[in-house]
Amino acid sequence: MKQHPLAEVFGFPIDNMGRTAQDHRKNRLCPFGNVVPRCTKDKADDPLGVCSIYDGGRTAITCPIRFNEDGLITNDAASFFFGPGTRWETLTEVRLKDRYGKSAGNIDIVVVAYDERGRVTDFGAIEKQGVYISGNVRNPFSHYMEDPIHRKDMDWRGQPGYPGPDYLSSSRKRLAPQLIFKGGILRAWNKKIAVVLDKGFFGTLPKLDEVDQSEADVAWLVYDLEPDADQGRLRLRRQESVFTKFEEALSRITVSEVGDVDDFVSHLQAKIDRKLADE
């Protein structure tokens, strides 16, 4: 557990006191291409500008917008979706509907290929998966924002609800449903999906059966934040690309590893013993 739980606030490390970093904190700005210049996370008038938090010795990306840095993910995804030399453009927050016209949710980014006349020839979908936070991140954020210069080294250990990444909820409540509903439609259309997530999150998933890129339906694009001492920033860098088939990957993620039934029976026995002893 780090003494300070926050890694980046409004796009900059919490100990960066340069003019640009201070301007972003003062004006609640997002440097990663939000739909508006200001951060809108949680509340538009009082945004929770935490881009990433510490997870032991590494960072965990908690805001999906954080992945937008320098267009890296769209370039990486396009190289999976299309062949070399393809013209492409991006569209964000595109509504996806099922055959009955009901919404299956929005696709974070659709990468659209087009010909010399501007006609759509193909497309692929990018799903960005930030990490849910357990505990309370608003309290340390608000405390830090009151006096960033003097609280960049604040010790938040021992405070109630010390925040940390909740990888299990991130996969079961967010990632799996996204793949089931949106991914199922895209797969039926024979369209490829790129799932963007950070290294810590990917490391908690079950081991996926990899295939050659040419055979894959899904690319798992795994990133991490690396320090850039010259700029006083954390930079998004791709760590690996893992290629899988859609159905096999979905099965691995949504089906729990089976435990020993005898352990469960022992647990039931202990609960029954306590209940009968109280009667």
Protein backbone atom coordinates (compact mmCIF):
# COMPACT_ATOMS: atom_id res chain seq x y z
CA MET A 1 0.00 0.00 0.00
CA LYS A 2 1.41 3.36 -1.06
CA GLN A 3 1.16 6.21 1.42
CA HIS A 4 -0.50 8.30 -1.30
CA PRO A 5 -3.20 6.38 -3.21
CA LEU A 6 -3.47 8.70 -6.23
CA ALA A 7 -1.09 8.39 -9.18
CA GLU A 8 -2.47 10.93 -11.67
CA VAL A 9 -4.93 13.78 -11.22
CA PHE A 10 -6.26 15.69 -14.25
CA GLY A 11 -3.65 14.02 -16.43
CA PHE A 12 -0.51 14.67 -14.37
CA PRO A 13 1.33 12.87 -11.56
CA ILE A 14 0.34 14.23 -8.17
CA ASP A 15 3.87 15.55 -7.52
CA ASN A 16 4.13 17.50 -10.81
CA MET A 17 3.92 21.16 -9.84
CA GLY A 18 4.75 22.57 -13.27
CA ARG A 19 2.66 25.36 -14.77
CA THR A 20 0.73 23.08 -17.14
CA ALA A 21 -0.08 20.56 -14.41
CA GLN A 22 -1.26 23.30 -12.06
CA ASP A 23 -3.37 24.83 -14.84
CA HIS A 24 -5.06 21.46 -15.47
CA ARG A 25 -5.82 21.03 -11.78
CA LYS A 26 -7.10 24.59 -11.41
CA ASN A 27 -9.40 24.40 -14.44
CA ARG A 28 -10.30 20.70 -14.14
CA LEU A 29 -8.96 19.95 -17.63
CA CYS A 30 -8.53 16.59 -19.34
CA PRO A 31 -5.48 16.29 -21.64
CA PHE A 32 -6.56 12.97 -23.14
CA GLY A 33 -9.28 14.01 -25.58
CA ASN A 34 -12.45 13.99 -23.55
CA VAL A 35 -15.60 15.07 -25.45
CA VAL A 36 -15.11 18.51 -23.90
CA PRO A 37 -11.88 20.14 -22.65
CA ARG A 38 -12.84 19.68 -19.00
CA CYS A 39 -12.93 16.41 -17.11
CA THR A 40 -16.52 15.16 -16.70
CA LYS A 41 -15.91 12.03 -14.66
CA ASP A 42 -18.55 11.35 -12.00
CA LYS A 43 -19.87 14.93 -11.87
CA ALA A 44 -19.63 17.58 -14.58
CA ASP A 45 -19.56 20.46 -12.07
CA ASP A 46 -17.25 18.72 -9.60
CA PRO A 47 -15.36 16.08 -11.60
CA LEU A 48 -13.43 13.27 -9.98
CA GLY A 49 -10.24 13.90 -11.92
CA VAL A 50 -8.38 10.73 -10.94
CA CYS A 51 -6.89 9.08 -14.02
CA SER A 52 -4.99 6.33 -12.23
CA ILE A 53 -4.27 5.09 -8.73
CA TYR A 54 -1.47 3.10 -7.19
CA ASP A 55 -1.71 -0.67 -6.89
CA GLY A 56 1.30 -1.56 -4.81
CA GLY A 57 4.32 -0.83 -6.97
CA ARG A 58 2.35 -0.26 -10.19
CA THR A 59 -0.40 1.99 -11.43
CA ALA A 60 -3.98 1.02 -12.26
CA ILE A 61 -5.83 3.02 -14.92
CA THR A 62 -9.27 3.87 -13.56
CA CYS A 63 -10.57 6.24 -16.26
CA PRO A 64 -11.16 4.85 -19.78
CA ILE A 65 -10.38 8.28 -21.29
CA ARG A 66 -6.80 7.85 -20.00
CA PHE A 67 -6.20 5.29 -22.75
CA ASN A 68 -6.67 7.97 -25.43
CA GLU A 69 -3.13 9.36 -25.09
CA ASP A 70 -1.54 10.18 -28.46
CA GLY A 71 -3.98 7.98 -30.42
CA LEU A 72 -1.86 4.96 -29.53
CA ILE A 73 -4.74 2.52 -29.03
CA THR A 74 -6.45 3.43 -32.31
CA ASN A 75 -3.25 2.90 -34.29
CA ASP A 76 -2.64 -0.44 -32.58
CA ALA A 77 -6.24 -1.55 -33.12
CA ALA A 78 -6.29 -0.46 -36.77
CA SER A 79 -3.21 -2.58 -37.48
CA PHE A 80 -5.20 -5.57 -36.16
CA PHE A 81 -8.43 -4.74 -37.97
CA PHE A 82 -7.11 -3.84 -41.42
CA GLY A 83 -4.30 -4.47 -43.82
CA PRO A 84 -1.43 -2.03 -44.46
CA GLY A 85 -2.30 1.15 -46.33
CA THR A 86 -5.98 1.14 -45.37
CA ARG A 87 -7.63 4.53 -45.00
CA TRP A 88 -9.44 4.75 -41.68
CA GLU A 89 -11.08 7.19 -39.31
CA THR A 90 -12.52 6.92 -35.81
CA LEU A 91 -15.99 7.50 -34.40
CA THR A 92 -16.68 7.56 -30.66
CA GLU A 93 -19.63 6.43 -28.54
CA VAL A 94 -21.51 4.75 -31.38
CA ARG A 95 -24.87 3.24 -30.40
CA LEU A 96 -25.24 -0.49 -31.11
CA LYS A 97 -28.72 -2.02 -31.43
CA ASP A 98 -29.97 -5.58 -31.53
CA ARG A 99 -32.37 -6.95 -34.16
CA TYR A 100 -35.35 -5.58 -32.19
CA GLY A 101 -33.97 -2.06 -32.13
CA LYS A 102 -33.06 -2.21 -28.46
CA SER A 103 -29.78 -0.72 -27.38
CA ALA A 104 -26.93 -3.11 -26.62
CA GLY A 105 -24.85 -0.17 -25.41
CA ASN A 106 -22.39 2.21 -26.99
CA ILE A 107 -19.15 1.11 -28.62
CA ASP A 108 -16.32 3.20 -27.17
CA ILE A 109 -14.55 3.66 -30.51
CA VAL A 110 -15.40 2.37 -33.96
CA VAL A 111 -12.47 2.38 -36.38
CA VAL A 112 -13.95 2.78 -39.86
CA ALA A 113 -12.14 1.85 -43.08
CA TYR A 114 -13.15 3.68 -46.25
CA ASP A 115 -12.20 3.78 -49.90
CA GLU A 116 -11.01 6.66 -52.09
CA ARG A 117 -14.62 7.84 -52.48
CA GLY A 118 -15.22 7.88 -48.73
CA ARG A 119 -17.44 4.79 -48.74
CA VAL A 120 -17.28 2.55 -45.68
CA THR A 121 -15.59 -0.75 -46.52
CA ASP A 122 -15.01 -2.29 -43.08
CA PHE A 123 -14.93 -1.49 -39.39
CA GLY A 124 -13.73 -2.79 -36.05
CA ALA A 125 -14.67 -1.98 -32.46
CA ILE A 126 -12.51 -0.86 -29.53
CA GLU A 127 -13.67 -1.42 -25.96
CA LYS A 128 -11.66 0.38 -23.28
CA GLN A 129 -11.78 -1.17 -19.82
CA GLY A 130 -10.71 0.97 -16.89
CA VAL A 131 -10.55 -0.56 -13.43
CA TYR A 132 -13.28 -0.17 -10.83
CA ILE A 133 -12.15 1.23 -7.48
CA SER A 134 -12.92 -0.35 -4.14
CA GLY A 135 -13.06 1.95 -1.13
CA ASN A 136 -13.43 5.71 -1.34
CA VAL A 137 -11.30 7.67 -3.82
CA ARG A 138 -13.28 10.93 -3.58
CA ASN A 139 -12.05 11.68 -0.06
CA PRO A 140 -8.30 11.52 -0.76
CA PHE A 141 -8.86 13.32 -4.07
CA SER A 142 -10.71 16.20 -2.37
CA HIS A 143 -8.13 16.37 0.41
CA TYR A 144 -5.27 16.51 -2.12
CA MET A 145 -6.99 19.13 -4.29
CA GLU A 146 -7.33 21.52 -1.36
CA ASP A 147 -3.53 21.96 -1.27
CA PRO A 148 -1.67 19.93 -3.93
CA ILE A 149 1.73 21.50 -3.24
CA HIS A 150 1.77 20.51 0.42
CA ARG A 151 -0.21 17.29 0.06
CA LYS A 152 1.65 15.65 -2.81
CA ASP A 153 3.33 13.42 -0.20
CA MET A 154 0.32 13.03 2.08
CA ASP A 155 0.01 9.76 3.98
CA TRP A 156 -3.48 8.37 3.51
CA ARG A 157 -2.74 4.99 5.07
CA GLY A 158 -5.02 4.18 7.97
CA GLN A 159 -7.87 6.26 6.60
CA PRO A 160 -11.21 4.45 6.24
CA GLY A 161 -11.93 3.13 2.75
CA TYR A 162 -8.38 3.41 1.43
CA PRO A 163 -8.94 3.05 -2.34
CA GLY A 164 -7.61 0.23 -4.46
CA PRO A 165 -8.37 -1.52 -7.75
CA ASP A 166 -11.29 -3.98 -7.79
CA TYR A 167 -10.26 -6.27 -10.60
CA LEU A 168 -12.90 -8.94 -9.93
CA SER A 169 -15.81 -6.50 -10.24
CA SER A 170 -14.14 -4.93 -13.27
CA SER A 171 -14.17 -8.23 -15.13
CA ARG A 172 -17.50 -9.64 -13.94
CA LYS A 173 -19.61 -6.48 -13.86
CA ARG A 174 -18.07 -4.62 -16.78
CA LEU A 175 -15.84 -6.62 -19.11
CA ALA A 176 -17.88 -9.82 -19.31
CA PRO A 177 -21.25 -8.11 -19.97
CA GLN A 178 -19.65 -5.89 -22.63
CA LEU A 179 -18.32 -8.94 -24.45
CA ILE A 180 -21.60 -10.85 -24.12
CA PHE A 181 -23.91 -8.13 -25.41
CA LYS A 182 -21.89 -5.93 -27.72
CA GLY A 183 -19.26 -8.50 -28.58
CA GLY A 184 -21.88 -11.09 -29.46
CA ILE A 185 -23.42 -8.80 -32.08
CA LEU A 186 -20.05 -7.82 -33.53
CA ARG A 187 -18.96 -11.44 -33.71
CA ALA A 188 -22.17 -12.39 -35.55
CA TRP A 189 -21.28 -9.69 -38.08
CA ASN A 190 -17.81 -11.21 -38.36
CA LYS A 191 -16.19 -7.98 -37.11
CA LYS A 192 -13.09 -7.82 -34.98
CA ILE A 193 -12.84 -6.42 -31.46
CA ALA A 194 -9.87 -4.85 -29.67
CA VAL A 195 -10.12 -4.88 -25.89
CA VAL A 196 -7.91 -2.22 -24.30
CA LEU A 197 -6.90 -2.64 -20.67
CA ASP A 198 -3.92 -2.16 -18.41
CA LYS A 199 -1.31 -4.68 -17.41
CA GLY A 200 -2.54 -5.18 -13.86
CA PHE A 201 -6.10 -5.86 -14.97
CA PHE A 202 -5.06 -8.27 -17.72
CA GLY A 203 -2.89 -10.15 -15.25
CA THR A 204 -5.96 -11.04 -13.15
CA LEU A 205 -7.85 -12.64 -16.06
CA PRO A 206 -7.74 -16.40 -16.65
CA LYS A 207 -5.06 -17.48 -19.08
CA LEU A 208 -6.45 -17.15 -22.58
CA ASP A 209 -5.81 -19.58 -25.42
CA GLU A 210 -3.79 -17.62 -27.97
CA VAL A 211 -4.00 -17.98 -31.74
CA ASP A 212 -2.14 -16.40 -34.63
CA GLN A 213 -3.16 -12.80 -35.36
CA SER A 214 -4.52 -13.83 -38.77
CA GLU A 215 -6.99 -16.22 -37.10
CA ALA A 216 -8.05 -13.97 -34.22
CA ASP A 217 -11.42 -12.32 -33.61
CA VAL A 218 -10.23 -10.43 -30.54
CA ALA A 219 -7.01 -8.57 -29.79
CA TRP A 220 -6.25 -7.90 -26.14
CA LEU A 221 -4.13 -4.75 -26.21
CA VAL A 222 -2.33 -4.45 -22.89
CA TYR A 223 -0.83 -1.14 -21.74
CA ASP A 224 1.02 0.28 -18.78
CA LEU A 225 2.04 3.73 -17.59
CA GLU A 226 5.78 4.35 -17.69
CA PRO A 227 7.53 7.34 -16.09
CA ASP A 228 8.91 10.04 -18.38
CA ALA A 229 11.29 11.89 -16.10
CA ASP A 230 12.07 14.62 -18.65
CA GLN A 231 8.41 15.60 -18.99
CA GLY A 232 7.32 14.80 -15.44
CA ARG A 233 4.54 12.62 -16.86
CA LEU A 234 3.43 9.03 -17.04
CA ARG A 235 3.28 7.79 -20.62
CA LEU A 236 1.00 5.11 -22.01
CA ARG A 237 2.99 2.26 -23.53
CA ARG A 238 1.77 -1.00 -25.04
CA GLN A 239 3.20 -4.00 -23.20
CA GLU A 240 1.80 -6.86 -25.28
CA SER A 241 -0.88 -7.90 -27.74
CA VAL A 242 -2.69 -11.19 -27.15
CA PHE A 243 -4.80 -12.64 -29.98
CA THR A 244 -7.71 -15.01 -29.31
CA LYS A 245 -10.91 -16.42 -30.72
CA PHE A 246 -14.05 -14.74 -29.41
CA GLU A 247 -16.00 -17.74 -28.08
CA GLU A 248 -13.02 -19.34 -26.36
CA ALA A 249 -12.00 -16.10 -24.65
CA LEU A 250 -15.56 -15.37 -23.51
CA SER A 251 -15.87 -18.86 -22.07
CA ARG A 252 -12.64 -18.48 -20.12
CA ILE A 253 -13.67 -15.14 -18.65
CA THR A 254 -17.29 -15.92 -17.79
CA VAL A 255 -16.93 -19.46 -16.44
CA SER A 256 -15.58 -19.71 -12.91
CA GLU A 257 -12.76 -22.07 -12.05
CA VAL A 258 -14.40 -25.04 -10.31
CA GLY A 259 -13.34 -25.54 -6.70
CA ASP A 260 -13.48 -28.67 -4.56
CA VAL A 261 -17.06 -29.61 -3.64
CA ASP A 262 -15.80 -31.12 -0.37
CA ASP A 263 -14.58 -27.67 0.71
CA PHE A 264 -18.04 -26.26 0.07
CA VAL A 265 -19.71 -29.10 1.97
CA SER A 266 -17.35 -28.46 4.91
CA HIS A 267 -18.37 -24.81 4.83
CA LEU A 268 -22.05 -25.81 4.87
CA GLN A 269 -21.42 -28.24 7.72
CA ALA A 270 -19.78 -25.58 9.84
CA LYS A 271 -22.71 -23.20 9.31
CA ILE A 272 -25.24 -25.95 10.11
CA ASP A 273 -23.31 -26.92 13.25
CA ARG A 274 -23.40 -23.33 14.50
CA LYS A 275 -27.08 -22.97 13.69
CA LEU A 276 -28.06 -26.20 15.46
CA ALA A 277 -25.94 -25.31 18.49
CA ASP A 278 -27.93 -22.08 18.90
CA GLU A 279 -31.28 -23.87 18.95
